[in-house]
PDB file of all heavy atoms in Angstrom:
ATOM      1  N   TRP A   1     -58.340-151.344 -26.207  1.00  0.00           N
ATOM      2  CA  TRP A   1     -59.331-151.534 -27.265  1.00  0.00           C
ATOM      3  C   TRP A   1     -60.190-150.290 -27.475  1.00  0.00           C
ATOM      4  O   TRP A   1     -60.493-149.907 -28.600  1.00  0.00           O
ATOM      5  CB  TRP A   1     -60.212-152.730 -26.884  1.00  0.00           C
ATOM      6  CG  TRP A   1     -61.150-153.111 -27.977  1.00  0.00           C
ATOM      7  CD1 TRP A   1     -60.845-153.790 -29.107  1.00  0.00           C
ATOM      8  CD2 TRP A   1     -62.532-152.813 -28.055  1.00  0.00           C
ATOM      9  NE1 TRP A   1     -61.941-153.957 -29.887  1.00  0.00           N
ATOM     10  CE2 TRP A   1     -63.011-153.356 -29.249  1.00  0.00           C
ATOM     11  CE3 TRP A   1     -63.432-152.154 -27.228  1.00  0.00           C
ATOM     12  CZ2 TRP A   1     -64.332-153.256 -29.646  1.00  0.00           C
ATOM     13  CZ3 TRP A   1     -64.729-152.063 -27.619  1.00  0.00           C
ATOM     14  CH2 TRP A   1     -65.182-152.605 -28.822  1.00  0.00           C
ATOM     15  N   ASN A   2     -60.608-149.590 -26.419  1.00  0.00           N
ATOM     16  CA  ASN A   2     -61.431-148.379 -26.528  1.00  0.00           C
ATOM     17  C   ASN A   2     -60.717-147.257 -27.269  1.00  0.00           C
ATOM     18  O   ASN A   2     -61.326-146.518 -28.040  1.00  0.00           O
ATOM     19  CB  ASN A   2     -61.849-147.879 -25.141  1.00  0.00           C
ATOM     20  CG  ASN A   2     -62.939-148.745 -24.540  1.00  0.00           C
ATOM     21  OD1 ASN A   2     -63.676-149.399 -25.263  1.00  0.00           O
ATOM     22  ND2 ASN A   2     -63.004-148.758 -23.226  1.00  0.00           N
ATOM     23  N   ALA A   3     -59.446-147.116 -27.062  1.00  0.00           N
ATOM     24  CA  ALA A   3     -58.686-146.064 -27.742  1.00  0.00           C
ATOM     25  C   ALA A   3     -58.625-146.352 -29.248  1.00  0.00           C
ATOM     26  O   ALA A   3     -58.736-145.436 -30.067  1.00  0.00           O
ATOM     27  CB  ALA A   3     -57.290-145.966 -27.158  1.00  0.00           C
ATOM     28  N   ARG A   4     -58.443-147.649 -29.631  1.00  0.00           N
ATOM     29  CA  ARG A   4     -58.406-147.995 -31.047  1.00  0.00           C
ATOM     30  C   ARG A   4     -59.759-147.752 -31.712  1.00  0.00           C
ATOM     31  O   ARG A   4     -59.826-147.252 -32.833  1.00  0.00           O
ATOM     32  CB  ARG A   4     -58.006-149.457 -31.216  1.00  0.00           C
ATOM     33  CG  ARG A   4     -56.522-149.621 -31.238  1.00  0.00           C
ATOM     34  CD  ARG A   4     -56.163-151.007 -31.655  1.00  0.00           C
ATOM     35  NE  ARG A   4     -55.651-151.665 -30.447  1.00  0.00           N
ATOM     36  CZ  ARG A   4     -55.566-152.957 -30.264  1.00  0.00           C
ATOM     37  NH1 ARG A   4     -55.986-153.780 -31.183  1.00  0.00           N
ATOM     38  NH2 ARG A   4     -55.052-153.450 -29.167  1.00  0.00           N
ATOM     39  N   VAL A   5     -60.830-148.109 -31.036  1.00  0.00           N
ATOM     40  CA  VAL A   5     -62.170-147.900 -31.586  1.00  0.00           C
ATOM     41  C   VAL A   5     -62.449-146.412 -31.730  1.00  0.00           C
ATOM     42  O   VAL A   5     -62.988-145.955 -32.738  1.00  0.00           O
ATOM     43  CB  VAL A   5     -63.234-148.594 -30.699  1.00  0.00           C
ATOM     44  CG1 VAL A   5     -64.636-148.170 -31.097  1.00  0.00           C
ATOM     45  CG2 VAL A   5     -63.080-150.091 -30.764  1.00  0.00           C
ATOM     46  N   ASN A   6     -62.062-145.644 -30.714  1.00  0.00           N
ATOM     47  CA  ASN A   6     -62.279-144.202 -30.746  1.00  0.00           C
ATOM     48  C   ASN A   6     -61.493-143.565 -31.895  1.00  0.00           C
ATOM     49  O   ASN A   6     -62.012-142.702 -32.600  1.00  0.00           O
ATOM     50  CB  ASN A   6     -61.876-143.592 -29.406  1.00  0.00           C
ATOM     51  CG  ASN A   6     -62.418-142.201 -29.245  1.00  0.00           C
ATOM     52  OD1 ASN A   6     -63.308-141.784 -29.980  1.00  0.00           O
ATOM     53  ND2 ASN A   6     -61.877-141.469 -28.273  1.00  0.00           N
ATOM     54  N   ARG A   7     -60.240-143.994 -32.102  1.00  0.00           N
ATOM     55  CA  ARG A   7     -59.433-143.457 -33.181  1.00  0.00           C
ATOM     56  C   ARG A   7     -59.999-143.815 -34.546  1.00  0.00           C
ATOM     57  O   ARG A   7     -60.057-142.994 -35.449  1.00  0.00           O
ATOM     58  CB  ARG A   7     -58.014-143.992 -33.089  1.00  0.00           C
ATOM     59  CG  ARG A   7     -57.063-142.993 -32.631  1.00  0.00           C
ATOM     60  CD  ARG A   7     -55.661-143.472 -32.792  1.00  0.00           C
ATOM     61  NE  ARG A   7     -54.905-142.858 -31.730  1.00  0.00           N
ATOM     62  CZ  ARG A   7     -53.729-143.220 -31.346  1.00  0.00           C
ATOM     63  NH1 ARG A   7     -53.142-144.244 -31.926  1.00  0.00           N
ATOM     64  NH2 ARG A   7     -53.110-142.580 -30.400  1.00  0.00           N
ATOM     65  N   SER A   8     -60.422-145.043 -34.705  1.00  0.00           N
ATOM     66  CA  SER A   8     -60.967-145.455 -36.005  1.00  0.00           C
ATOM     67  C   SER A   8     -62.302-144.753 -36.275  1.00  0.00           C
ATOM     68  O   SER A   8     -62.603-144.409 -37.417  1.00  0.00           O
ATOM     69  CB  SER A   8     -61.110-146.975 -36.076  1.00  0.00           C
ATOM     70  OG  SER A   8     -62.021-147.424 -35.095  1.00  0.00           O
ATOM     71  N   PHE A   9     -63.102-144.551 -35.236  1.00  0.00           N
ATOM     72  CA  PHE A   9     -64.359-143.820 -35.407  1.00  0.00           C
ATOM     73  C   PHE A   9     -64.086-142.382 -35.829  1.00  0.00           C
ATOM     74  O   PHE A   9     -64.720-141.859 -36.749  1.00  0.00           O
ATOM     75  CB  PHE A   9     -65.183-143.847 -34.120  1.00  0.00           C
ATOM     76  CG  PHE A   9     -66.451-143.071 -34.210  1.00  0.00           C
ATOM     77  CD1 PHE A   9     -67.542-143.567 -34.924  1.00  0.00           C
ATOM     78  CD2 PHE A   9     -66.570-141.825 -33.598  1.00  0.00           C
ATOM     79  CE1 PHE A   9     -68.712-142.848 -35.018  1.00  0.00           C
ATOM     80  CE2 PHE A   9     -67.742-141.103 -33.693  1.00  0.00           C
ATOM     81  CZ  PHE A   9     -68.812-141.611 -34.405  1.00  0.00           C
ATOM     82  N   CYS A  10     -63.136-141.733 -35.186  1.00  0.00           N
ATOM     83  CA  CYS A  10     -62.782-140.353 -35.549  1.00  0.00           C
ATOM     84  C   CYS A  10     -62.214-140.287 -36.966  1.00  0.00           C
ATOM     85  O   CYS A  10     -62.544-139.372 -37.727  1.00  0.00           O
ATOM     86  CB  CYS A  10     -61.772-139.795 -34.555  1.00  0.00           C
ATOM     87  SG  CYS A  10     -62.493-139.418 -32.953  1.00  0.00           S
ATOM     88  N   ALA A  11     -61.388-141.256 -37.343  1.00  0.00           N
ATOM     89  CA  ALA A  11     -60.834-141.269 -38.689  1.00  0.00           C
ATOM     90  C   ALA A  11     -61.941-141.490 -39.717  1.00  0.00           C
ATOM     91  O   ALA A  11     -61.953-140.860 -40.784  1.00  0.00           O
ATOM     92  CB  ALA A  11     -59.769-142.347 -38.805  1.00  0.00           C
ATOM     93  N   GLY A  12     -62.878-142.349 -39.413  1.00  0.00           N
ATOM     94  CA  GLY A  12     -64.001-142.581 -40.315  1.00  0.00           C
ATOM     95  C   GLY A  12     -64.862-141.346 -40.481  1.00  0.00           C
ATOM     96  O   GLY A  12     -65.277-140.996 -41.592  1.00  0.00           O
ATOM     97  N   MET A  13     -65.176-140.691 -39.385  1.00  0.00           N
ATOM     98  CA  MET A  13     -65.978-139.465 -39.444  1.00  0.00           C
ATOM     99  C   MET A  13     -65.246-138.368 -40.198  1.00  0.00           C
ATOM    100  O   MET A  13     -65.845-137.615 -40.969  1.00  0.00           O
ATOM    101  CB  MET A  13     -66.343-138.993 -38.034  1.00  0.00           C
ATOM    102  CG  MET A  13     -67.360-139.875 -37.344  1.00  0.00           C
ATOM    103  SD  MET A  13     -68.867-140.074 -38.305  1.00  0.00           S
ATOM    104  CE  MET A  13     -69.534-138.448 -38.203  1.00  0.00           C
ATOM    105  N   LEU A  14     -63.938-138.270 -39.991  1.00  0.00           N
ATOM    106  CA  LEU A  14     -63.142-137.282 -40.714  1.00  0.00           C
ATOM    107  C   LEU A  14     -63.164-137.579 -42.218  1.00  0.00           C
ATOM    108  O   LEU A  14     -63.271-136.663 -43.036  1.00  0.00           O
ATOM    109  CB  LEU A  14     -61.704-137.269 -40.188  1.00  0.00           C
ATOM    110  CG  LEU A  14     -60.777-136.220 -40.790  1.00  0.00           C
ATOM    111  CD1 LEU A  14     -61.305-134.830 -40.491  1.00  0.00           C
ATOM    112  CD2 LEU A  14     -59.382-136.385 -40.250  1.00  0.00           C
ATOM    113  N   GLY A  15     -63.110-138.854 -42.584  1.00  0.00           N
ATOM    114  CA  GLY A  15     -63.192-139.235 -43.991  1.00  0.00           C
ATOM    115  C   GLY A  15     -64.545-138.888 -44.597  1.00  0.00           C
ATOM    116  O   GLY A  15     -64.629-138.419 -45.730  1.00  0.00           O
ATOM    117  N   VAL A  16     -65.612-139.120 -43.851  1.00  0.00           N
ATOM    118  CA  VAL A  16     -66.956-138.789 -44.343  1.00  0.00           C
ATOM    119  C   VAL A  16     -67.094-137.287 -44.533  1.00  0.00           C
ATOM    120  O   VAL A  16     -67.609-136.813 -45.549  1.00  0.00           O
ATOM    121  CB  VAL A  16     -68.032-139.335 -43.383  1.00  0.00           C
ATOM    122  CG1 VAL A  16     -69.397-138.755 -43.704  1.00  0.00           C
ATOM    123  CG2 VAL A  16     -68.067-140.846 -43.429  1.00  0.00           C
ATOM    124  N   ILE A  17     -66.632-136.517 -43.576  1.00  0.00           N
ATOM    125  CA  ILE A  17     -66.722-135.060 -43.667  1.00  0.00           C
ATOM    126  C   ILE A  17     -65.871-134.542 -44.822  1.00  0.00           C
ATOM    127  O   ILE A  17     -66.299-133.668 -45.580  1.00  0.00           O
ATOM    128  CB  ILE A  17     -66.313-134.413 -42.329  1.00  0.00           C
ATOM    129  CG1 ILE A  17     -67.369-134.717 -41.269  1.00  0.00           C
ATOM    130  CG2 ILE A  17     -66.108-132.920 -42.477  1.00  0.00           C
ATOM    131  CD1 ILE A  17     -66.974-134.316 -39.879  1.00  0.00           C
ATOM    132  N   ALA A  18     -64.669-135.106 -44.993  1.00  0.00           N
ATOM    133  CA  ALA A  18     -63.796-134.664 -46.083  1.00  0.00           C
ATOM    134  C   ALA A  18     -64.407-135.005 -47.435  1.00  0.00           C
ATOM    135  O   ALA A  18     -64.379-134.186 -48.362  1.00  0.00           O
ATOM    136  CB  ALA A  18     -62.422-135.295 -45.934  1.00  0.00           C
ATOM    137  N   SER A  19     -64.981-136.186 -47.569  1.00  0.00           N
ATOM    138  CA  SER A  19     -65.572-136.543 -48.858  1.00  0.00           C
ATOM    139  C   SER A  19     -66.803-135.690 -49.149  1.00  0.00           C
ATOM    140  O   SER A  19     -67.052-135.319 -50.292  1.00  0.00           O
ATOM    141  CB  SER A  19     -65.927-138.032 -48.898  1.00  0.00           C
ATOM    142  OG  SER A  19     -66.953-138.306 -47.967  1.00  0.00           O
ATOM    143  N   ALA A  20     -67.582-135.361 -48.122  1.00  0.00           N
ATOM    144  CA  ALA A  20     -68.745-134.496 -48.330  1.00  0.00           C
ATOM    145  C   ALA A  20     -68.310-133.080 -48.710  1.00  0.00           C
ATOM    146  O   ALA A  20     -68.946-132.432 -49.550  1.00  0.00           O
ATOM    147  CB  ALA A  20     -69.605-134.463 -47.085  1.00  0.00           C
ATOM    148  N   ALA A  21     -67.236-132.608 -48.121  1.00  0.00           N
ATOM    149  CA  ALA A  21     -66.764-131.256 -48.416  1.00  0.00           C
ATOM    150  C   ALA A  21     -66.145-131.177 -49.812  1.00  0.00           C
ATOM    151  O   ALA A  21     -66.228-130.139 -50.474  1.00  0.00           O
ATOM    152  CB  ALA A  21     -65.744-130.821 -47.375  1.00  0.00           C
ATOM    153  N   LEU A  22     -65.557-132.247 -50.291  1.00  0.00           N
ATOM    154  CA  LEU A  22     -64.881-132.214 -51.580  1.00  0.00           C
ATOM    155  C   LEU A  22     -65.808-132.511 -52.753  1.00  0.00           C
ATOM    156  O   LEU A  22     -65.454-132.237 -53.897  1.00  0.00           O
ATOM    157  CB  LEU A  22     -63.719-133.209 -51.584  1.00  0.00           C
ATOM    158  CG  LEU A  22     -62.577-132.870 -50.621  1.00  0.00           C
ATOM    159  CD1 LEU A  22     -61.557-133.981 -50.626  1.00  0.00           C
ATOM    160  CD2 LEU A  22     -61.936-131.552 -50.997  1.00  0.00           C
ATOM    161  N   THR A  23     -66.982-133.051 -52.505  1.00  0.00           N
ATOM    162  CA  THR A  23     -67.862-133.395 -53.620  1.00  0.00           C
ATOM    163  C   THR A  23     -68.653-132.208 -54.122  1.00  0.00           C
ATOM    164  O   THR A  23     -69.118-132.214 -55.247  1.00  0.00           O
ATOM    165  CB  THR A  23     -68.841-134.505 -53.221  1.00  0.00           C
ATOM    166  OG1 THR A  23     -69.566-134.094 -52.071  1.00  0.00           O
ATOM    167  CG2 THR A  23     -68.124-135.794 -52.963  1.00  0.00           C
ATOM    168  N   GLY A  24     -68.894-131.185 -53.356  1.00  0.00           N
ATOM    169  CA  GLY A  24     -69.633-130.016 -53.807  1.00  0.00           C
ATOM    170  C   GLY A  24     -71.125-130.175 -53.644  1.00  0.00           C
ATOM    171  O   GLY A  24     -71.608-131.109 -53.007  1.00  0.00           O
ATOM    172  N   CYS A  25     -71.871-129.278 -54.269  1.00  0.00           N
ATOM    173  CA  CYS A  25     -73.314-129.237 -54.087  1.00  0.00           C
ATOM    174  C   CYS A  25     -74.088-129.740 -55.290  1.00  0.00           C
ATOM    175  O   CYS A  25     -75.297-129.702 -55.289  1.00  0.00           O
ATOM    176  CB  CYS A  25     -73.757-127.800 -53.797  1.00  0.00           C
ATOM    177  SG  CYS A  25     -73.043-127.124 -52.314  1.00  0.00           S
ATOM    178  N   GLN A  26     -73.426-130.165 -56.333  1.00  0.00           N
ATOM    179  CA  GLN A  26     -74.137-130.560 -57.532  1.00  0.00           C
ATOM    180  C   GLN A  26     -74.752-131.942 -57.372  1.00  0.00           C
ATOM    181  O   GLN A  26     -74.204-132.810 -56.697  1.00  0.00           O
ATOM    182  CB  GLN A  26     -73.205-130.570 -58.737  1.00  0.00           C
ATOM    183  CG  GLN A  26     -72.797-129.198 -59.161  1.00  0.00           C
ATOM    184  CD  GLN A  26     -71.970-129.226 -60.423  1.00  0.00           C
ATOM    185  OE1 GLN A  26     -71.420-130.248 -60.778  1.00  0.00           O
ATOM    186  NE2 GLN A  26     -71.905-128.106 -61.088  1.00  0.00           N
ATOM    187  N   THR A  27     -75.913-132.108 -57.996  1.00  0.00           N
ATOM    188  CA  THR A  27     -76.563-133.408 -58.038  1.00  0.00           C
ATOM    189  C   THR A  27     -76.875-133.741 -59.485  1.00  0.00           C
ATOM    190  O   THR A  27     -76.933-132.864 -60.332  1.00  0.00           O
ATOM    191  CB  THR A  27     -77.876-133.404 -57.232  1.00  0.00           C
ATOM    192  OG1 THR A  27     -78.752-132.422 -57.785  1.00  0.00           O
ATOM    193  CG2 THR A  27     -77.627-133.102 -55.783  1.00  0.00           C
ATOM    194  N   ASN A  28     -77.083-135.000 -59.755  1.00  0.00           N
ATOM    195  CA  ASN A  28     -77.394-135.434 -61.106  1.00  0.00           C
ATOM    196  C   ASN A  28     -78.729-136.163 -61.064  1.00  0.00           C
ATOM    197  O   ASN A  28     -78.840-137.220 -60.456  1.00  0.00           O
ATOM    198  CB  ASN A  28     -76.290-136.360 -61.618  1.00  0.00           C
ATOM    199  CG  ASN A  28     -76.426-136.623 -63.085  1.00  0.00           C
ATOM    200  OD1 ASN A  28     -77.423-136.266 -63.700  1.00  0.00           O
ATOM    201  ND2 ASN A  28     -75.427-137.269 -63.653  1.00  0.00           N
ATOM    202  N   MET A  29     -79.756-135.565 -61.671  1.00  0.00           N
ATOM    203  CA  MET A  29     -81.095-136.148 -61.663  1.00  0.00           C
ATOM    204  C   MET A  29     -81.639-136.150 -63.085  1.00  0.00           C
ATOM    205  O   MET A  29     -81.733-135.097 -63.701  1.00  0.00           O
ATOM    206  CB  MET A  29     -82.027-135.355 -60.749  1.00  0.00           C
ATOM    207  CG  MET A  29     -81.635-135.402 -59.298  1.00  0.00           C
ATOM    208  SD  MET A  29     -82.739-134.467 -58.267  1.00  0.00           S
ATOM    209  CE  MET A  29     -84.172-135.518 -58.309  1.00  0.00           C
ATOM    210  N   GLY A  30     -82.024-137.298 -63.581  1.00  0.00           N
ATOM    211  CA  GLY A  30     -82.642-137.381 -64.892  1.00  0.00           C
ATOM    212  C   GLY A  30     -81.744-136.921 -66.016  1.00  0.00           C
ATOM    213  O   GLY A  30     -82.224-136.392 -67.009  1.00  0.00           O
ATOM    214  N   GLY A  31     -80.449-137.094 -65.872  1.00  0.00           N
ATOM    215  CA  GLY A  31     -79.525-136.679 -66.917  1.00  0.00           C
ATOM    216  C   GLY A  31     -79.133-135.225 -66.858  1.00  0.00           C
ATOM    217  O   GLY A  31     -78.356-134.751 -67.670  1.00  0.00           O
ATOM    218  N   GLN A  32     -79.690-134.480 -65.907  1.00  0.00           N
ATOM    219  CA  GLN A  32     -79.336-133.068 -65.762  1.00  0.00           C
ATOM    220  C   GLN A  32     -78.416-132.893 -64.563  1.00  0.00           C
ATOM    221  O   GLN A  32     -78.614-133.520 -63.527  1.00  0.00           O
ATOM    222  CB  GLN A  32     -80.574-132.215 -65.510  1.00  0.00           C
ATOM    223  CG  GLN A  32     -81.464-132.029 -66.693  1.00  0.00           C
ATOM    224  CD  GLN A  32     -82.622-131.127 -66.334  1.00  0.00           C
ATOM    225  OE1 GLN A  32     -83.230-131.282 -65.281  1.00  0.00           O
ATOM    226  NE2 GLN A  32     -82.923-130.194 -67.199  1.00  0.00           N
ATOM    227  N   THR A  33     -77.439-132.032 -64.698  1.00  0.00           N
ATOM    228  CA  THR A  33     -76.607-131.667 -63.563  1.00  0.00           C
ATOM    229  C   THR A  33     -77.216-130.432 -62.939  1.00  0.00           C
ATOM    230  O   THR A  33     -77.250-129.367 -63.546  1.00  0.00           O
ATOM    231  CB  THR A  33     -75.163-131.379 -64.007  1.00  0.00           C
ATOM    232  OG1 THR A  33     -74.656-132.552 -64.657  1.00  0.00           O
ATOM    233  CG2 THR A  33     -74.289-131.042 -62.824  1.00  0.00           C
ATOM    234  N   LEU A  34     -77.727-130.592 -61.746  1.00  0.00           N
ATOM    235  CA  LEU A  34     -78.408-129.497 -61.067  1.00  0.00           C
ATOM    236  C   LEU A  34     -77.467-128.849 -60.067  1.00  0.00           C
ATOM    237  O   LEU A  34     -76.693-129.528 -59.399  1.00  0.00           O
ATOM    238  CB  LEU A  34     -79.654-130.035 -60.368  1.00  0.00           C
ATOM    239  CG  LEU A  34     -80.623-130.755 -61.311  1.00  0.00           C
ATOM    240  CD1 LEU A  34     -81.728-131.406 -60.524  1.00  0.00           C
ATOM    241  CD2 LEU A  34     -81.175-129.805 -62.324  1.00  0.00           C
ATOM    242  N   PRO A  35     -77.519-127.524 -59.938  1.00  0.00           N
ATOM    243  CA  PRO A  35     -76.529-126.826 -59.130  1.00  0.00           C
ATOM    244  C   PRO A  35     -76.690-126.997 -57.629  1.00  0.00           C
ATOM    245  O   PRO A  35     -75.735-126.952 -56.902  1.00  0.00           O
ATOM    246  CB  PRO A  35     -76.716-125.361 -59.515  1.00  0.00           C
ATOM    247  CG  PRO A  35     -78.094-125.283 -60.037  1.00  0.00           C
ATOM    248  CD  PRO A  35     -78.403-126.604 -60.642  1.00  0.00           C
ATOM    249  N   SER A  36     -77.907-127.186 -57.138  1.00  0.00           N
ATOM    250  CA  SER A  36     -78.079-127.308 -55.702  1.00  0.00           C
ATOM    251  C   SER A  36     -79.345-128.084 -55.412  1.00  0.00           C
ATOM    252  O   SER A  36     -80.132-128.389 -56.299  1.00  0.00           O
ATOM    253  CB  SER A  36     -78.164-125.917 -55.053  1.00  0.00           C
ATOM    254  OG  SER A  36     -79.385-125.313 -55.407  1.00  0.00           O
TER     255      SER A  36
END
């Protein structure tokens, strides 16, 4: 059970890091796309 939890935790963290890296630095506030 510990190995499965550890693997799923690592896969989840890898997914979070990948999604953060692929989204870029732009934000959208008040209808404006801001660069950083």
